[in-house]
Amino acid sequence: MLIGIAGPVAFDTVTGAGDFVEFEFKGQATDPQEAIAQLDAFISDLGVELGDRVNRGYPHILLGRER
């Protein structure tokens, strides 16, 4: 059971880029990798198929930049 992980969840539609779901971590973790692992487990438990993870902001996506 995951406790204290759920933070804001945003559903965004960005013209020219697509639809996105953002999950924010609001739990306890010793490092970023642990926080990511907890979020991955939380999202997996939702049983919803999502697209590929995007690690860029919307401006970078729209400008075609990797970072």
PDB file of N, CA and C in Angstrom:
ATOM      1  N   MET A   1       0.844  -1.180   0.000  1.00  0.00           N
ATOM      2  CA  MET A   1       0.000   0.000   0.000  1.00  0.00           C
ATOM      3  C   MET A   1       0.889   1.243   0.000  1.00  0.00           C
ATOM      4  N   LEU A   2       0.556   2.174  -0.828  1.00  0.00           N
ATOM      5  CA  LEU A   2       1.336   3.402  -0.935  1.00  0.00           C
ATOM      6  C   LEU A   2       0.616   4.519  -0.197  1.00  0.00           C
ATOM      7  N   ILE A   3       1.309   5.130   0.730  1.00  0.00           N
ATOM      8  CA  ILE A   3       0.701   6.182   1.542  1.00  0.00           C
ATOM      9  C   ILE A   3       1.486   7.476   1.351  1.00  0.00           C
ATOM     10  N   GLY A   4       0.776   8.587   1.187  1.00  0.00           N
ATOM     11  CA  GLY A   4       1.427   9.881   1.135  1.00  0.00           C
ATOM     12  C   GLY A   4       2.088  10.212  -0.187  1.00  0.00           C
ATOM     13  N   ILE A   5       1.726   9.493  -1.231  1.00  0.00           N
ATOM     14  CA  ILE A   5       2.348   9.743  -2.528  1.00  0.00           C
ATOM     15  C   ILE A   5       1.504  10.687  -3.369  1.00  0.00           C
ATOM     16  N   ALA A   6       0.204  10.505  -3.326  1.00  0.00           N
ATOM     17  CA  ALA A   6      -0.674  11.246  -4.216  1.00  0.00           C
ATOM     18  C   ALA A   6      -0.533  12.739  -3.992  1.00  0.00           C
ATOM     19  N   GLY A   7      -0.205  13.420  -5.044  1.00  0.00           N
ATOM     20  CA  GLY A   7      -0.155  14.868  -5.043  1.00  0.00           C
ATOM     21  C   GLY A   7      -1.088  15.335  -6.136  1.00  0.00           C
ATOM     22  N   PRO A   8      -0.914  16.540  -6.574  1.00  0.00           N
ATOM     23  CA  PRO A   8      -1.750  17.023  -7.668  1.00  0.00           C
ATOM     24  C   PRO A   8      -1.597  16.172  -8.926  1.00  0.00           C
ATOM     25  N   VAL A   9      -2.712  15.956  -9.596  1.00  0.00           N
ATOM     26  CA  VAL A   9      -2.717  15.288 -10.895  1.00  0.00           C
ATOM     27  C   VAL A   9      -3.330  16.277 -11.869  1.00  0.00           C
ATOM     28  N   ALA A  10      -2.628  16.571 -12.943  1.00  0.00           N
ATOM     29  CA  ALA A  10      -3.108  17.541 -13.930  1.00  0.00           C
ATOM     30  C   ALA A  10      -3.336  16.846 -15.262  1.00  0.00           C
ATOM     31  N   PHE A  11      -4.453  17.158 -15.894  1.00  0.00           N
ATOM     32  CA  PHE A  11      -4.758  16.682 -17.239  1.00  0.00           C
ATOM     33  C   PHE A  11      -4.647  17.894 -18.157  1.00  0.00           C
ATOM     34  N   ASP A  12      -3.685  17.860 -19.059  1.00  0.00           N
ATOM     35  CA  ASP A  12      -3.410  19.007 -19.925  1.00  0.00           C
ATOM     36  C   ASP A  12      -3.591  18.637 -21.390  1.00  0.00           C
ATOM     37  N   THR A  13      -4.163  19.552 -22.153  1.00  0.00           N
ATOM     38  CA  THR A  13      -4.192  19.457 -23.605  1.00  0.00           C
ATOM     39  C   THR A  13      -3.409  20.650 -24.128  1.00  0.00           C
ATOM     40  N   VAL A  14      -2.340  20.368 -24.856  1.00  0.00           N
ATOM     41  CA  VAL A  14      -1.466  21.413 -25.372  1.00  0.00           C
ATOM     42  C   VAL A  14      -1.572  21.402 -26.893  1.00  0.00           C
ATOM     43  N   THR A  15      -2.106  22.476 -27.452  1.00  0.00           N
ATOM     44  CA  THR A  15      -2.255  22.572 -28.899  1.00  0.00           C
ATOM     45  C   THR A  15      -0.907  22.394 -29.575  1.00  0.00           C
ATOM     46  N   GLY A  16      -0.853  21.498 -30.521  1.00  0.00           N
ATOM     47  CA  GLY A  16       0.382  21.241 -31.248  1.00  0.00           C
ATOM     48  C   GLY A  16       1.292  20.221 -30.589  1.00  0.00           C
ATOM     49  N   ALA A  17       0.935  19.774 -29.377  1.00  0.00           N
ATOM     50  CA  ALA A  17       1.789  18.807 -28.675  1.00  0.00           C
ATOM     51  C   ALA A  17       1.022  17.566 -28.231  1.00  0.00           C
ATOM     52  N   GLY A  18      -0.242  17.721 -27.860  1.00  0.00           N
ATOM     53  CA  GLY A  18      -1.035  16.561 -27.466  1.00  0.00           C
ATOM     54  C   GLY A  18      -1.635  16.672 -26.077  1.00  0.00           C
ATOM     55  N   ASP A  19      -2.073  15.516 -25.575  1.00  0.00           N
ATOM     56  CA  ASP A  19      -2.697  15.425 -24.260  1.00  0.00           C
ATOM     57  C   ASP A  19      -1.716  14.801 -23.278  1.00  0.00           C
ATOM     58  N   PHE A  20      -1.719  15.302 -22.054  1.00  0.00           N
ATOM     59  CA  PHE A  20      -0.754  14.866 -21.050  1.00  0.00           C
ATOM     60  C   PHE A  20      -1.432  14.705 -19.699  1.00  0.00           C
ATOM     61  N   VAL A  21      -0.875  13.802 -18.888  1.00  0.00           N
ATOM     62  CA  VAL A  21      -1.261  13.655 -17.489  1.00  0.00           C
ATOM     63  C   VAL A  21       0.007  13.852 -16.672  1.00  0.00           C
ATOM     64  N   GLU A  22      -0.052  14.743 -15.702  1.00  0.00           N
ATOM     65  CA  GLU A  22       1.107  15.002 -14.837  1.00  0.00           C
ATOM     66  C   GLU A  22       0.789  14.535 -13.424  1.00  0.00           C
ATOM     67  N   PHE A  23       1.703  13.744 -12.857  1.00  0.00           N
ATOM     68  CA  PHE A  23       1.588  13.284 -11.475  1.00  0.00           C
ATOM     69  C   PHE A  23       2.690  13.952 -10.669  1.00  0.00           C
ATOM     70  N   GLU A  24       2.333  14.498  -9.519  1.00  0.00           N
ATOM     71  CA  GLU A  24       3.324  15.138  -8.659  1.00  0.00           C
ATOM     72  C   GLU A  24       3.521  14.300  -7.398  1.00  0.00           C
ATOM     73  N   PHE A  25       4.768  14.082  -7.023  1.00  0.00           N
ATOM     74  CA  PHE A  25       5.101  13.300  -5.836  1.00  0.00           C
ATOM     75  C   PHE A  25       5.006  14.164  -4.589  1.00  0.00           C
ATOM     76  N   LYS A  26       4.288  13.685  -3.582  1.00  0.00           N
ATOM     77  CA  LYS A  26       4.143  14.408  -2.310  1.00  0.00           C
ATOM     78  C   LYS A  26       4.385  13.457  -1.143  1.00  0.00           C
ATOM     79  N   GLY A  27       5.368  12.581  -1.276  1.00  0.00           N
ATOM     80  CA  GLY A  27       5.620  11.590  -0.239  1.00  0.00           C
ATOM     81  C   GLY A  27       7.002  11.716   0.355  1.00  0.00           C
ATOM     82  N   GLN A  28       7.415  10.669   1.031  1.00  0.00           N
ATOM     83  CA  GLN A  28       8.732  10.597   1.642  1.00  0.00           C
ATOM     84  C   GLN A  28       9.630   9.722   0.777  1.00  0.00           C
ATOM     85  N   ALA A  29      10.809  10.212   0.459  1.00  0.00           N
ATOM     86  CA  ALA A  29      11.781   9.441  -0.317  1.00  0.00           C
ATOM     87  C   ALA A  29      13.175   9.905   0.072  1.00  0.00           C
ATOM     88  N   THR A  30      14.120   8.984   0.001  1.00  0.00           N
ATOM     89  CA  THR A  30      15.494   9.331   0.352  1.00  0.00           C
ATOM     90  C   THR A  30      16.249   9.965  -0.805  1.00  0.00           C
ATOM     91  N   ASP A  31      15.769   9.727  -2.038  1.00  0.00           N
ATOM     92  CA  ASP A  31      16.412  10.311  -3.211  1.00  0.00           C
ATOM     93  C   ASP A  31      15.418  10.319  -4.375  1.00  0.00           C
ATOM     94  N   PRO A  32      15.750  11.014  -5.467  1.00  0.00           N
ATOM     95  CA  PRO A  32      14.830  11.092  -6.606  1.00  0.00           C
ATOM     96  C   PRO A  32      14.465   9.723  -7.184  1.00  0.00           C
ATOM     97  N   GLN A  33      15.417   8.790  -7.212  1.00  0.00           N
ATOM     98  CA  GLN A  33      15.131   7.469  -7.774  1.00  0.00           C
ATOM     99  C   GLN A  33      14.048   6.750  -6.967  1.00  0.00           C
ATOM    100  N   GLU A  34      14.088   6.874  -5.655  1.00  0.00           N
ATOM    101  CA  GLU A  34      13.061   6.250  -4.817  1.00  0.00           C
ATOM    102  C   GLU A  34      11.700   6.902  -5.057  1.00  0.00           C
ATOM    103  N   ALA A  35      11.672   8.222  -5.192  1.00  0.00           N
ATOM    104  CA  ALA A  35      10.419   8.924  -5.465  1.00  0.00           C
ATOM    105  C   ALA A  35       9.841   8.470  -6.797  1.00  0.00           C
ATOM    106  N   ILE A  36      10.685   8.341  -7.810  1.00  0.00           N
ATOM    107  CA  ILE A  36      10.228   7.889  -9.126  1.00  0.00           C
ATOM    108  C   ILE A  36       9.693   6.467  -9.039  1.00  0.00           C
ATOM    109  N   ALA A  37      10.377   5.595  -8.305  1.00  0.00           N
ATOM    110  CA  ALA A  37       9.926   4.209  -8.149  1.00  0.00           C
ATOM    111  C   ALA A  37       8.557   4.163  -7.466  1.00  0.00           C
ATOM    112  N   GLN A  38       8.364   4.994  -6.449  1.00  0.00           N
ATOM    113  CA  GLN A  38       7.074   5.030  -5.761  1.00  0.00           C
ATOM    114  C   GLN A  38       5.970   5.544  -6.682  1.00  0.00           C
ATOM    115  N   LEU A  39       6.271   6.580  -7.445  1.00  0.00           N
ATOM    116  CA  LEU A  39       5.282   7.096  -8.396  1.00  0.00           C
ATOM    117  C   LEU A  39       4.961   6.065  -9.468  1.00  0.00           C
ATOM    118  N   ASP A  40       5.978   5.386  -9.989  1.00  0.00           N
ATOM    119  CA  ASP A  40       5.754   4.343 -10.994  1.00  0.00           C
ATOM    120  C   ASP A  40       4.830   3.258 -10.456  1.00  0.00           C
ATOM    121  N   ALA A  41       5.056   2.833  -9.209  1.00  0.00           N
ATOM    122  CA  ALA A  41       4.213   1.805  -8.598  1.00  0.00           C
ATOM    123  C   ALA A  41       2.784   2.318  -8.423  1.00  0.00           C
ATOM    124  N   PHE A  42       2.646   3.561  -7.979  1.00  0.00           N
ATOM    125  CA  PHE A  42       1.326   4.168  -7.800  1.00  0.00           C
ATOM    126  C   PHE A  42       0.566   4.203  -9.121  1.00  0.00           C
ATOM    127  N   ILE A  43       1.227   4.671 -10.170  1.00  0.00           N
ATOM    128  CA  ILE A  43       0.590   4.775 -11.485  1.00  0.00           C
ATOM    129  C   ILE A  43       0.243   3.388 -12.014  1.00  0.00           C
ATOM    130  N   SER A  44       1.135   2.429 -11.828  1.00  0.00           N
ATOM    131  CA  SER A  44       0.880   1.059 -12.273  1.00  0.00           C
ATOM    132  C   SER A  44      -0.357   0.482 -11.587  1.00  0.00           C
ATOM    133  N   ASP A  45      -0.516   0.767 -10.296  1.00  0.00           N
ATOM    134  CA  ASP A  45      -1.667   0.264  -9.540  1.00  0.00           C
ATOM    135  C   ASP A  45      -2.989   0.867 -10.003  1.00  0.00           C
ATOM    136  N   LEU A  46      -2.944   1.984 -10.720  1.00  0.00           N
ATOM    137  CA  LEU A  46      -4.177   2.585 -11.228  1.00  0.00           C
ATOM    138  C   LEU A  46      -4.817   1.717 -12.300  1.00  0.00           C
ATOM    139  N   GLY A  47      -4.003   0.909 -12.978  1.00  0.00           N
ATOM    140  CA  GLY A  47      -4.522   0.032 -14.020  1.00  0.00           C
ATOM    141  C   GLY A  47      -4.944   0.770 -15.279  1.00  0.00           C
ATOM    142  N   VAL A  48      -4.351   1.925 -15.515  1.00  0.00           N
ATOM    143  CA  VAL A  48      -4.668   2.735 -16.688  1.00  0.00           C
ATOM    144  C   VAL A  48      -3.451   2.748 -17.599  1.00  0.00           C
ATOM    145  N   GLU A  49      -3.675   2.491 -18.874  1.00  0.00           N
ATOM    146  CA  GLU A  49      -2.557   2.511 -19.815  1.00  0.00           C
ATOM    147  C   GLU A  49      -2.258   3.951 -20.221  1.00  0.00           C
ATOM    148  N   LEU A  50      -1.020   4.346 -19.993  1.00  0.00           N
ATOM    149  CA  LEU A  50      -0.576   5.687 -20.363  1.00  0.00           C
ATOM    150  C   LEU A  50       0.454   5.580 -21.478  1.00  0.00           C
ATOM    151  N   GLY A  51       0.718   6.676 -22.135  1.00  0.00           N
ATOM    152  CA  GLY A  51       1.745   6.704 -23.174  1.00  0.00           C
ATOM    153  C   GLY A  51       3.135   6.744 -22.566  1.00  0.00           C
ATOM    154  N   ASP A  52       4.104   6.998 -23.406  1.00  0.00           N
ATOM    155  CA  ASP A  52       5.492   7.077 -22.961  1.00  0.00           C
ATOM    156  C   ASP A  52       5.688   8.256 -22.014  1.00  0.00           C
ATOM    157  N   ARG A  53       6.610   8.092 -21.089  1.00  0.00           N
ATOM    158  CA  ARG A  53       6.957   9.178 -20.170  1.00  0.00           C
ATOM    159  C   ARG A  53       7.682  10.272 -20.951  1.00  0.00           C
ATOM    160  N   VAL A  54       7.307  11.503 -20.701  1.00  0.00           N
ATOM    161  CA  VAL A  54       7.930  12.658 -21.346  1.00  0.00           C
ATOM    162  C   VAL A  54       8.635  13.458 -20.258  1.00  0.00           C
ATOM    163  N   ASN A  55       9.921  13.678 -20.430  1.00  0.00           N
ATOM    164  CA  ASN A  55      10.709  14.407 -19.432  1.00  0.00           C
ATOM    165  C   ASN A  55      11.119  15.789 -19.929  1.00  0.00           C
ATOM    166  N   ARG A  56      10.250  16.400 -20.702  1.00  0.00           N
ATOM    167  CA  ARG A  56      10.510  17.748 -21.222  1.00  0.00           C
ATOM    168  C   ARG A  56       9.300  18.617 -20.921  1.00  0.00           C
ATOM    169  N   GLY A  57       9.531  19.892 -20.776  1.00  0.00           N
ATOM    170  CA  GLY A  57       8.429  20.825 -20.590  1.00  0.00           C
ATOM    171  C   GLY A  57       7.738  21.117 -21.914  1.00  0.00           C
ATOM    172  N   TYR A  58       6.549  21.671 -21.826  1.00  0.00           N
ATOM    173  CA  TYR A  58       5.784  21.956 -23.037  1.00  0.00           C
ATOM    174  C   TYR A  58       6.509  22.882 -24.007  1.00  0.00           C
ATOM    175  N   PRO A  59       7.178  23.939 -23.548  1.00  0.00           N
ATOM    176  CA  PRO A  59       7.902  24.779 -24.512  1.00  0.00           C
ATOM    177  C   PRO A  59       8.952  23.989 -25.300  1.00  0.00           C
ATOM    178  N   HIS A  60       9.680  23.092 -24.613  1.00  0.00           N
ATOM    179  CA  HIS A  60      10.685  22.288 -25.310  1.00  0.00           C
ATOM    180  C   HIS A  60      10.045  21.340 -26.314  1.00  0.00           C
ATOM    181  N   ILE A  61       8.907  20.778 -25.967  1.00  0.00           N
ATOM    182  CA  ILE A  61       8.198  19.895 -26.899  1.00  0.00           C
ATOM    183  C   ILE A  61       7.791  20.681 -28.135  1.00  0.00           C
ATOM    184  N   LEU A  62       7.200  21.849 -27.933  1.00  0.00           N
ATOM    185  CA  LEU A  62       6.714  22.656 -29.052  1.00  0.00           C
ATOM    186  C   LEU A  62       7.845  23.168 -29.935  1.00  0.00           C
ATOM    187  N   LEU A  63       9.013  23.402 -29.335  1.00  0.00           N
ATOM    188  CA  LEU A  63      10.163  23.885 -30.102  1.00  0.00           C
ATOM    189  C   LEU A  63      11.005  22.746 -30.669  1.00  0.00           C
ATOM    190  N   GLY A  64      10.635  21.507 -30.348  1.00  0.00           N
ATOM    191  CA  GLY A  64      11.371  20.355 -30.863  1.00  0.00           C
ATOM    192  C   GLY A  64      12.715  20.140 -30.201  1.00  0.00           C
ATOM    193  N   ARG A  65      12.880  20.655 -28.991  1.00  0.00           N
ATOM    194  CA  ARG A  65      14.154  20.512 -28.280  1.00  0.00           C
ATOM    195  C   ARG A  65      14.114  19.294 -27.368  1.00  0.00           C
ATOM    196  N   GLU A  66      15.272  18.667 -27.211  1.00  0.00           N
ATOM    197  CA  GLU A  66      15.372  17.523 -26.308  1.00  0.00           C
ATOM    198  C   GLU A  66      15.448  17.972 -24.858  1.00  0.00           C
ATOM    199  N   ARG A  67      16.070  19.110 -24.601  1.00  0.00           N
ATOM    200  CA  ARG A  67      16.188  19.639 -23.227  1.00  0.00           C
ATOM    201  C   ARG A  67      16.222  21.143 -23.270  1.00  0.00           C
TER     202      ARG A  67
END
